[in-house]
Amino acid sequence: MRNTDAVKRFEPVSVLLIDDDNFLRHALGVSLGAYGYVVQEAPSGEAGIQAISQKPVDLVLLDVNMMGIDGVETCRRIRASRINAGILMLTVSDDQDKIIAALEAGADDYVTKPIRFGELVARMHAVERRIRAETPFSMDILRIGQLELDPKYRTLKKDGLEIRLSQTEFNLLAYFMRHPSVPVSHTKLLRAVWGAEYVRELERLRTYCKLLRQKIEDDPAHPRYIVTEREFGYSLQDPTRSRTPEEVPHSRRDDSPMAPDE
């Protein structure tokens, strides 16, 4: 497995930077190259799709707002081609609809503009770790209610029909399914799925739980699988069974963010 420490990598990580802002693309390309990454650049979504089809890379940095094929559609087409690269979206901070659309299209994470280089590299490391990490868990198929998750082939089925998940959606659901019926705090979920540097990003967790609910719930507005443990976190429940009193948290724990959940 690769050492993800910058500069000291035995095997450099390859990055495809897709952005129609020539100045920003060049500046990031030079900075990432100096940091030890092997960088390709593409000035448009079309050029990026062509480049990655000809030469696969480890990570894609993809601007959301571009002329021609925008970042969301570019992400969707890359995922449709089954290319197994981490995708990190570059977006403006107040464009929540575009962020959600990008995650739904298969992006692994996002960084908001103006870009802080240290944060960008940290997020790139985190995406790479999640994709490359060898799981210490059992590879046995997990079943909860109508859901069947296969960690070996990274597939999810509901009632026998396959549901496509992004890398991060899969990792979050896998964590839930390995801890069924257990209320898990926001902090523990963020640390386990994203990493310690994400533990205060409650909105990120809410967004991904919303995305998962849209894919696995019969009625996402009234979820029966991913249940909110108010002011604490979430739990994955089996809709076919009732919860025992021990499975319901009675008070907020110290490691949970203070903001109430939705």
C-alpha atoms as a PDB file:
ATOM      1  CA  MET A   1       0.000   0.000   0.000  1.00  0.00           C
ATOM      2  CA  ARG A   2       1.220   3.484  -0.733  1.00  0.00           C
ATOM      3  CA  ASN A   3       2.717   5.795   1.807  1.00  0.00           C
ATOM      4  CA  THR A   4       0.545   8.909   1.594  1.00  0.00           C
ATOM      5  CA  ASP A   5       3.061  11.249   3.241  1.00  0.00           C
ATOM      6  CA  ALA A   6       3.714  14.101   0.826  1.00  0.00           C
ATOM      7  CA  VAL A   7       7.123  14.247  -0.873  1.00  0.00           C
ATOM      8  CA  LYS A   8       8.227  10.986   0.797  1.00  0.00           C
ATOM      9  CA  ARG A   9       5.979   8.793  -1.362  1.00  0.00           C
ATOM     10  CA  PHE A  10       7.804   5.847  -2.862  1.00  0.00           C
ATOM     11  CA  GLU A  11       5.291   5.870  -5.697  1.00  0.00           C
ATOM     12  CA  PRO A  12       4.068   9.369  -6.633  1.00  0.00           C
ATOM     13  CA  VAL A  13       0.316   9.926  -6.686  1.00  0.00           C
ATOM     14  CA  SER A  14      -1.009  10.994 -10.077  1.00  0.00           C
ATOM     15  CA  VAL A  15      -3.558  13.803 -10.262  1.00  0.00           C
ATOM     16  CA  LEU A  16      -5.752  15.070 -13.089  1.00  0.00           C
ATOM     17  CA  LEU A  17      -6.680  18.724 -12.588  1.00  0.00           C
ATOM     18  CA  ILE A  18      -9.757  19.731 -14.610  1.00  0.00           C
ATOM     19  CA  ASP A  19     -10.564  23.456 -14.531  1.00  0.00           C
ATOM     20  CA  ASP A  20     -11.308  26.041 -17.217  1.00  0.00           C
ATOM     21  CA  ASP A  21      -9.602  28.788 -15.177  1.00  0.00           C
ATOM     22  CA  ASN A  22      -6.159  28.727 -16.775  1.00  0.00           C
ATOM     23  CA  PHE A  23      -4.476  30.761 -14.054  1.00  0.00           C
ATOM     24  CA  LEU A  24      -5.863  28.712 -11.166  1.00  0.00           C
ATOM     25  CA  ARG A  25      -5.211  25.423 -12.953  1.00  0.00           C
ATOM     26  CA  HIS A  26      -1.595  26.349 -13.672  1.00  0.00           C
ATOM     27  CA  ALA A  27      -0.985  27.674 -10.145  1.00  0.00           C
ATOM     28  CA  LEU A  28      -2.384  24.534  -8.525  1.00  0.00           C
ATOM     29  CA  GLY A  29      -0.514  22.324 -10.972  1.00  0.00           C
ATOM     30  CA  VAL A  30       2.817  23.965 -10.128  1.00  0.00           C
ATOM     31  CA  SER A  31       2.150  23.841  -6.362  1.00  0.00           C
ATOM     32  CA  LEU A  32       1.046  20.189  -6.396  1.00  0.00           C
ATOM     33  CA  GLY A  33       3.996  19.251  -8.580  1.00  0.00           C
ATOM     34  CA  ALA A  34       6.367  20.879  -6.100  1.00  0.00           C
ATOM     35  CA  TYR A  35       4.640  18.934  -3.349  1.00  0.00           C
ATOM     36  CA  GLY A  36       5.408  15.602  -5.006  1.00  0.00           C
ATOM     37  CA  TYR A  37       2.320  14.875  -7.086  1.00  0.00           C
ATOM     38  CA  VAL A  38       2.438  13.959 -10.776  1.00  0.00           C
ATOM     39  CA  VAL A  39      -0.057  16.381 -12.326  1.00  0.00           C
ATOM     40  CA  GLN A  40      -1.909  16.372 -15.637  1.00  0.00           C
ATOM     41  CA  GLU A  41      -4.070  19.338 -16.599  1.00  0.00           C
ATOM     42  CA  ALA A  42      -7.262  19.571 -18.648  1.00  0.00           C
ATOM     43  CA  PRO A  43      -9.007  22.869 -19.531  1.00  0.00           C
ATOM     44  CA  SER A  44     -12.516  21.400 -19.863  1.00  0.00           C
ATOM     45  CA  GLY A  45     -14.727  18.512 -18.864  1.00  0.00           C
ATOM     46  CA  GLU A  46     -14.497  17.038 -22.338  1.00  0.00           C
ATOM     47  CA  ALA A  47     -10.696  17.169 -22.304  1.00  0.00           C
ATOM     48  CA  GLY A  48     -10.615  15.694 -18.810  1.00  0.00           C
ATOM     49  CA  ILE A  49     -12.798  12.731 -19.752  1.00  0.00           C
ATOM     50  CA  GLN A  50     -10.603  12.025 -22.759  1.00  0.00           C
ATOM     51  CA  ALA A  51      -7.409  12.337 -20.696  1.00  0.00           C
ATOM     52  CA  ILE A  52      -8.491   9.957 -17.939  1.00  0.00           C
ATOM     53  CA  SER A  53      -9.772   7.396 -20.441  1.00  0.00           C
ATOM     54  CA  GLN A  54      -6.328   7.316 -22.035  1.00  0.00           C
ATOM     55  CA  LYS A  55      -4.253   7.448 -18.852  1.00  0.00           C
ATOM     56  CA  PRO A  56      -5.875   6.530 -15.513  1.00  0.00           C
ATOM     57  CA  VAL A  57      -4.908   8.585 -12.451  1.00  0.00           C
ATOM     58  CA  ASP A  58      -5.221   8.225  -8.688  1.00  0.00           C
ATOM     59  CA  LEU A  59      -7.054  11.477  -7.972  1.00  0.00           C
ATOM     60  CA  VAL A  60      -9.154  13.954  -9.956  1.00  0.00           C
ATOM     61  CA  LEU A  61      -9.537  17.598  -8.924  1.00  0.00           C
ATOM     62  CA  LEU A  62     -12.616  18.829 -10.727  1.00  0.00           C
ATOM     63  CA  ASP A  63     -14.090  22.315 -10.862  1.00  0.00           C
ATOM     64  CA  VAL A  64     -17.874  22.328 -10.518  1.00  0.00           C
ATOM     65  CA  ASN A  65     -18.594  25.399 -12.653  1.00  0.00           C
ATOM     66  CA  MET A  66     -17.086  25.113 -16.136  1.00  0.00           C
ATOM     67  CA  MET A  67     -18.191  26.056 -19.614  1.00  0.00           C
ATOM     68  CA  GLY A  68     -19.411  23.178 -21.795  1.00  0.00           C
ATOM     69  CA  ILE A  69     -19.749  20.003 -19.739  1.00  0.00           C
ATOM     70  CA  ASP A  70     -19.819  21.199 -16.140  1.00  0.00           C
ATOM     71  CA  GLY A  71     -18.113  19.459 -13.243  1.00  0.00           C
ATOM     72  CA  VAL A  72     -21.162  17.499 -12.108  1.00  0.00           C
ATOM     73  CA  GLU A  73     -21.745  15.971 -15.542  1.00  0.00           C
ATOM     74  CA  THR A  74     -18.020  15.326 -15.963  1.00  0.00           C
ATOM     75  CA  CYS A  75     -17.989  13.501 -12.620  1.00  0.00           C
ATOM     76  CA  ARG A  76     -21.037  11.477 -13.640  1.00  0.00           C
ATOM     77  CA  ARG A  77     -19.409  10.414 -16.919  1.00  0.00           C
ATOM     78  CA  ILE A  78     -16.152   9.451 -15.209  1.00  0.00           C
ATOM     79  CA  ARG A  79     -18.048   7.278 -12.733  1.00  0.00           C
ATOM     80  CA  ALA A  80     -20.151   5.745 -15.514  1.00  0.00           C
ATOM     81  CA  SER A  81     -16.932   4.575 -17.159  1.00  0.00           C
ATOM     82  CA  ARG A  82     -16.076   2.662 -13.952  1.00  0.00           C
ATOM     83  CA  ILE A  83     -12.785   4.487 -13.503  1.00  0.00           C
ATOM     84  CA  ASN A  84     -11.664   3.915  -9.921  1.00  0.00           C
ATOM     85  CA  ALA A  85     -10.138   7.295  -9.065  1.00  0.00           C
ATOM     86  CA  GLY A  86     -10.827   9.564  -6.144  1.00  0.00           C
ATOM     87  CA  ILE A  87     -12.746  12.675  -7.209  1.00  0.00           C
ATOM     88  CA  LEU A  88     -12.464  15.907  -5.263  1.00  0.00           C
ATOM     89  CA  MET A  89     -14.721  18.757  -6.374  1.00  0.00           C
ATOM     90  CA  LEU A  90     -13.690  22.423  -6.300  1.00  0.00           C
ATOM     91  CA  THR A  91     -16.716  24.618  -5.615  1.00  0.00           C
ATOM     92  CA  VAL A  92     -17.856  27.898  -4.124  1.00  0.00           C
ATOM     93  CA  SER A  93     -18.895  27.710  -0.487  1.00  0.00           C
ATOM     94  CA  ASP A  94     -22.485  28.901  -0.897  1.00  0.00           C
ATOM     95  CA  ASP A  95     -23.435  26.568  -3.750  1.00  0.00           C
ATOM     96  CA  GLN A  96     -24.910  23.783  -1.617  1.00  0.00           C
ATOM     97  CA  ASP A  97     -27.122  22.484  -4.424  1.00  0.00           C
ATOM     98  CA  LYS A  98     -24.111  21.972  -6.670  1.00  0.00           C
ATOM     99  CA  ILE A  99     -22.212  20.259  -3.842  1.00  0.00           C
ATOM    100  CA  ILE A 100     -25.053  17.795  -3.277  1.00  0.00           C
ATOM    101  CA  ALA A 101     -25.407  17.213  -7.028  1.00  0.00           C
ATOM    102  CA  ALA A 102     -21.677  16.485  -7.267  1.00  0.00           C
ATOM    103  CA  LEU A 103     -21.803  14.002  -4.388  1.00  0.00           C
ATOM    104  CA  GLU A 104     -24.819  12.326  -5.959  1.00  0.00           C
ATOM    105  CA  ALA A 105     -22.829  12.068  -9.208  1.00  0.00           C
ATOM    106  CA  GLY A 106     -20.110  10.125  -7.382  1.00  0.00           C
ATOM    107  CA  ALA A 107     -17.648  12.679  -6.026  1.00  0.00           C
ATOM    108  CA  ASP A 108     -15.755  11.581  -2.925  1.00  0.00           C
ATOM    109  CA  ASP A 109     -15.335  14.993  -1.334  1.00  0.00           C
ATOM    110  CA  TYR A 110     -15.223  18.726  -2.034  1.00  0.00           C
ATOM    111  CA  VAL A 111     -13.127  21.792  -1.236  1.00  0.00           C
ATOM    112  CA  THR A 112     -14.587  25.283  -1.336  1.00  0.00           C
ATOM    113  CA  LYS A 113     -13.071  28.319  -3.013  1.00  0.00           C
ATOM    114  CA  PRO A 114     -11.027  30.362  -2.355  1.00  0.00           C
ATOM    115  CA  ILE A 115      -8.799  27.320  -2.059  1.00  0.00           C
ATOM    116  CA  ARG A 116      -6.410  27.058   0.868  1.00  0.00           C
ATOM    117  CA  PHE A 117      -3.579  24.856  -0.325  1.00  0.00           C
ATOM    118  CA  GLY A 118      -2.966  23.154   3.023  1.00  0.00           C
ATOM    119  CA  GLU A 119      -6.634  22.191   3.289  1.00  0.00           C
ATOM    120  CA  LEU A 120      -6.659  20.933  -0.292  1.00  0.00           C
ATOM    121  CA  VAL A 121      -3.682  18.637   0.288  1.00  0.00           C
ATOM    122  CA  ALA A 122      -5.211  17.360   3.543  1.00  0.00           C
ATOM    123  CA  ARG A 123      -8.463  16.517   1.738  1.00  0.00           C
ATOM    124  CA  MET A 124      -6.530  14.816  -1.062  1.00  0.00           C
ATOM    125  CA  HIS A 125      -4.708  12.701   1.513  1.00  0.00           C
ATOM    126  CA  ALA A 126      -7.998  11.804   3.196  1.00  0.00           C
ATOM    127  CA  VAL A 127      -9.645  10.712  -0.075  1.00  0.00           C
ATOM    128  CA  GLU A 128      -6.589   8.673  -1.007  1.00  0.00           C
ATOM    129  CA  ARG A 129      -6.540   6.977   2.399  1.00  0.00           C
ATOM    130  CA  ARG A 130     -10.204   6.016   2.156  1.00  0.00           C
ATOM    131  CA  ILE A 131      -9.767   4.566  -1.314  1.00  0.00           C
ATOM    132  CA  ARG A 132      -6.484   2.755  -0.729  1.00  0.00           C
ATOM    133  CA  ALA A 133      -6.872   1.609   2.872  1.00  0.00           C
ATOM    134  CA  GLU A 134      -6.981  -2.100   3.465  1.00  0.00           C
ATOM    135  CA  THR A 135     -10.055  -2.821   5.573  1.00  0.00           C
ATOM    136  CA  PRO A 136      -9.400  -4.723   8.830  1.00  0.00           C
ATOM    137  CA  PHE A 137     -13.002  -5.891   8.898  1.00  0.00           C
ATOM    138  CA  SER A 138     -14.459  -9.175   7.782  1.00  0.00           C
ATOM    139  CA  MET A 139     -15.297  -9.417   4.091  1.00  0.00           C
ATOM    140  CA  ASP A 140     -18.450 -11.424   4.819  1.00  0.00           C
ATOM    141  CA  ILE A 141     -21.667 -10.191   3.229  1.00  0.00           C
ATOM    142  CA  LEU A 142     -23.668  -7.943   5.592  1.00  0.00           C
ATOM    143  CA  ARG A 143     -27.467  -8.115   5.716  1.00  0.00           C
ATOM    144  CA  ILE A 144     -29.896  -5.773   7.450  1.00  0.00           C
ATOM    145  CA  GLY A 145     -33.584  -5.877   6.540  1.00  0.00           C
ATOM    146  CA  GLN A 146     -33.790  -5.842   2.735  1.00  0.00           C
ATOM    147  CA  LEU A 147     -30.207  -4.586   2.363  1.00  0.00           C
ATOM    148  CA  GLU A 148     -27.301  -6.813   1.343  1.00  0.00           C
ATOM    149  CA  LEU A 149     -23.828  -5.263   1.265  1.00  0.00           C
ATOM    150  CA  ASP A 150     -20.819  -7.115  -0.150  1.00  0.00           C
ATOM    151  CA  PRO A 151     -17.531  -5.588   1.162  1.00  0.00           C
ATOM    152  CA  LYS A 152     -15.395  -7.707  -1.192  1.00  0.00           C
ATOM    153  CA  TYR A 153     -17.020  -6.506  -4.414  1.00  0.00           C
ATOM    154  CA  ARG A 154     -18.251  -3.226  -2.901  1.00  0.00           C
ATOM    155  CA  THR A 155     -21.832  -3.713  -4.016  1.00  0.00           C
ATOM    156  CA  LEU A 156     -25.169  -3.011  -2.354  1.00  0.00           C
ATOM    157  CA  LYS A 157     -28.447  -4.697  -3.167  1.00  0.00           C
ATOM    158  CA  LYS A 158     -31.941  -4.035  -1.908  1.00  0.00           C
ATOM    159  CA  ASP A 159     -34.481  -6.753  -2.607  1.00  0.00           C
ATOM    160  CA  GLY A 160     -31.941  -8.209  -5.036  1.00  0.00           C
ATOM    161  CA  LEU A 161     -31.595  -4.990  -7.075  1.00  0.00           C
ATOM    162  CA  GLU A 162     -28.191  -3.303  -7.135  1.00  0.00           C
ATOM    163  CA  ILE A 163     -27.904   0.265  -5.848  1.00  0.00           C
ATOM    164  CA  ARG A 164     -24.857   2.247  -6.946  1.00  0.00           C
ATOM    165  CA  LEU A 165     -22.991   4.070  -4.205  1.00  0.00           C
ATOM    166  CA  SER A 166     -20.034   6.415  -4.230  1.00  0.00           C
ATOM    167  CA  GLN A 167     -16.902   5.344  -2.346  1.00  0.00           C
ATOM    168  CA  THR A 168     -17.819   7.492   0.638  1.00  0.00           C
ATOM    169  CA  GLU A 169     -21.477   6.431   0.663  1.00  0.00           C
ATOM    170  CA  PHE A 170     -20.350   2.802   0.630  1.00  0.00           C
ATOM    171  CA  ASN A 171     -17.873   3.341   3.481  1.00  0.00           C
ATOM    172  CA  LEU A 172     -20.493   5.114   5.611  1.00  0.00           C
ATOM    173  CA  LEU A 173     -23.125   2.447   5.043  1.00  0.00           C
ATOM    174  CA  ALA A 174     -20.565  -0.313   5.688  1.00  0.00           C
ATOM    175  CA  TYR A 175     -19.717   1.275   9.027  1.00  0.00           C
ATOM    176  CA  PHE A 176     -23.406   1.467   9.922  1.00  0.00           C
ATOM    177  CA  MET A 177     -24.009  -2.155   8.906  1.00  0.00           C
ATOM    178  CA  ARG A 178     -21.063  -3.367  10.966  1.00  0.00           C
ATOM    179  CA  HIS A 179     -22.619  -1.640  13.997  1.00  0.00           C
ATOM    180  CA  PRO A 180     -26.346  -2.409  13.578  1.00  0.00           C
ATOM    181  CA  SER A 181     -28.871  -0.973  16.016  1.00  0.00           C
ATOM    182  CA  VAL A 182     -26.120   0.936  17.845  1.00  0.00           C
ATOM    183  CA  PRO A 183     -26.507   4.729  18.173  1.00  0.00           C
ATOM    184  CA  VAL A 184     -23.229   6.218  16.925  1.00  0.00           C
ATOM    185  CA  SER A 185     -22.234   9.810  17.641  1.00  0.00           C
ATOM    186  CA  HIS A 186     -21.599  12.358  14.928  1.00  0.00           C
ATOM    187  CA  THR A 187     -17.957  12.594  15.966  1.00  0.00           C
ATOM    188  CA  LYS A 188     -17.357   8.860  15.888  1.00  0.00           C
ATOM    189  CA  LEU A 189     -18.908   8.563  12.423  1.00  0.00           C
ATOM    190  CA  LEU A 190     -16.897  11.463  11.029  1.00  0.00           C
ATOM    191  CA  ARG A 191     -13.668  10.115  12.508  1.00  0.00           C
ATOM    192  CA  ALA A 192     -14.279   6.554  11.329  1.00  0.00           C
ATOM    193  CA  VAL A 193     -15.371   7.339   7.764  1.00  0.00           C
ATOM    194  CA  TRP A 194     -13.572  10.596   6.905  1.00  0.00           C
ATOM    195  CA  GLY A 195     -10.745  10.921   9.436  1.00  0.00           C
ATOM    196  CA  ALA A 196      -9.873  12.889  12.556  1.00  0.00           C
ATOM    197  CA  GLU A 197      -9.536  16.160  10.638  1.00  0.00           C
ATOM    198  CA  TYR A 198     -13.276  16.064   9.810  1.00  0.00           C
ATOM    199  CA  VAL A 199     -14.730  15.607  13.299  1.00  0.00           C
ATOM    200  CA  ARG A 200     -16.403  19.041  13.433  1.00  0.00           C
ATOM    201  CA  GLU A 201     -17.969  18.874   9.962  1.00  0.00           C
ATOM    202  CA  LEU A 202     -21.481  17.906  10.955  1.00  0.00           C
ATOM    203  CA  GLU A 203     -23.017  19.321   7.771  1.00  0.00           C
ATOM    204  CA  ARG A 204     -20.913  16.923   5.684  1.00  0.00           C
ATOM    205  CA  LEU A 205     -22.279  13.943   7.640  1.00  0.00           C
ATOM    206  CA  ARG A 206     -25.854  15.214   7.315  1.00  0.00           C
ATOM    207  CA  THR A 207     -25.415  15.568   3.567  1.00  0.00           C
ATOM    208  CA  TYR A 208     -24.184  12.003   3.130  1.00  0.00           C
ATOM    209  CA  CYS A 209     -26.886  10.549   5.370  1.00  0.00           C
ATOM    210  CA  LYS A 210     -29.433  12.405   3.238  1.00  0.00           C
ATOM    211  CA  LEU A 211     -27.891  10.938   0.076  1.00  0.00           C
ATOM    212  CA  LEU A 212     -27.941   7.423   1.515  1.00  0.00           C
ATOM    213  CA  ARG A 213     -31.536   7.790   2.609  1.00  0.00           C
ATOM    214  CA  GLN A 214     -32.521   8.786  -0.912  1.00  0.00           C
ATOM    215  CA  LYS A 215     -31.016   5.547  -2.185  1.00  0.00           C
ATOM    216  CA  ILE A 216     -32.017   2.956   0.433  1.00  0.00           C
ATOM    217  CA  GLU A 217     -35.220   4.204   2.071  1.00  0.00           C
ATOM    218  CA  ASP A 218     -38.696   3.525   0.718  1.00  0.00           C
ATOM    219  CA  ASP A 219     -39.653   6.980   1.983  1.00  0.00           C
ATOM    220  CA  PRO A 220     -36.558   9.159   2.596  1.00  0.00           C
ATOM    221  CA  ALA A 221     -38.668  11.735   4.447  1.00  0.00           C
ATOM    222  CA  HIS A 222     -39.578   9.055   7.012  1.00  0.00           C
ATOM    223  CA  PRO A 223     -36.441   6.898   7.242  1.00  0.00           C
ATOM    224  CA  ARG A 224     -36.581   3.445   8.795  1.00  0.00           C
ATOM    225  CA  TYR A 225     -32.998   2.349   8.181  1.00  0.00           C
ATOM    226  CA  ILE A 226     -30.837   5.405   8.952  1.00  0.00           C
ATOM    227  CA  VAL A 227     -32.488   6.799  12.065  1.00  0.00           C
ATOM    228  CA  THR A 228     -31.598  10.154  13.604  1.00  0.00           C
ATOM    229  CA  GLU A 229     -30.565  10.003  17.249  1.00  0.00           C
ATOM    230  CA  ARG A 230     -31.434  13.590  17.989  1.00  0.00           C
ATOM    231  CA  GLU A 231     -28.585  15.781  19.265  1.00  0.00           C
ATOM    232  CA  PHE A 232     -26.332  12.715  19.272  1.00  0.00           C
ATOM    233  CA  GLY A 233     -25.851  10.981  15.922  1.00  0.00           C
ATOM    234  CA  TYR A 234     -27.404   8.213  13.852  1.00  0.00           C
ATOM    235  CA  SER A 235     -28.076   4.508  13.967  1.00  0.00           C
ATOM    236  CA  LEU A 236     -28.845   1.869  11.360  1.00  0.00           C
ATOM    237  CA  GLN A 237     -32.002  -0.024  12.228  1.00  0.00           C
ATOM    238  CA  ASP A 238     -33.662  -3.132  10.862  1.00  0.00           C
ATOM    239  CA  PRO A 239     -37.206  -2.035   9.918  1.00  0.00           C
ATOM    240  CA  THR A 240     -38.488  -5.551  10.573  1.00  0.00           C
ATOM    241  CA  ARG A 241     -37.734  -5.425  14.297  1.00  0.00           C
ATOM    242  CA  SER A 242     -38.511  -3.084  17.183  1.00  0.00           C
ATOM    243  CA  ARG A 243     -35.838  -1.281  19.153  1.00  0.00           C
ATOM    244  CA  THR A 244     -35.148  -2.250  22.758  1.00  0.00           C
ATOM    245  CA  PRO A 245     -34.825   0.443  25.457  1.00  0.00           C
ATOM    246  CA  GLU A 246     -31.071  -0.186  25.613  1.00  0.00           C
ATOM    247  CA  GLU A 247     -30.729   0.811  21.949  1.00  0.00           C
ATOM    248  CA  VAL A 248     -32.154   4.310  22.452  1.00  0.00           C
ATOM    249  CA  PRO A 249     -29.706   6.973  23.731  1.00  0.00           C
ATOM    250  CA  HIS A 250     -31.120   8.759  26.788  1.00  0.00           C
ATOM    251  CA  SER A 251     -28.801  11.765  26.751  1.00  0.00           C
ATOM    252  CA  ARG A 252     -26.221  13.502  24.607  1.00  0.00           C
ATOM    253  CA  ARG A 253     -22.663  12.174  24.912  1.00  0.00           C
ATOM    254  CA  ASP A 254     -19.609  14.396  25.375  1.00  0.00           C
ATOM    255  CA  ASP A 255     -18.041  13.506  22.020  1.00  0.00           C
ATOM    256  CA  SER A 256     -20.987  14.658  19.901  1.00  0.00           C
ATOM    257  CA  PRO A 257     -21.122  18.124  18.276  1.00  0.00           C
ATOM    258  CA  MET A 258     -23.485  20.463  20.061  1.00  0.00           C
ATOM    259  CA  ALA A 259     -25.550  21.397  17.019  1.00  0.00           C
ATOM    260  CA  PRO A 260     -28.903  19.537  16.930  1.00  0.00           C
ATOM    261  CA  ASP A 261     -29.422  17.146  14.054  1.00  0.00           C
ATOM    262  CA  GLU A 262     -32.112  17.331  11.425  1.00  0.00           C
END
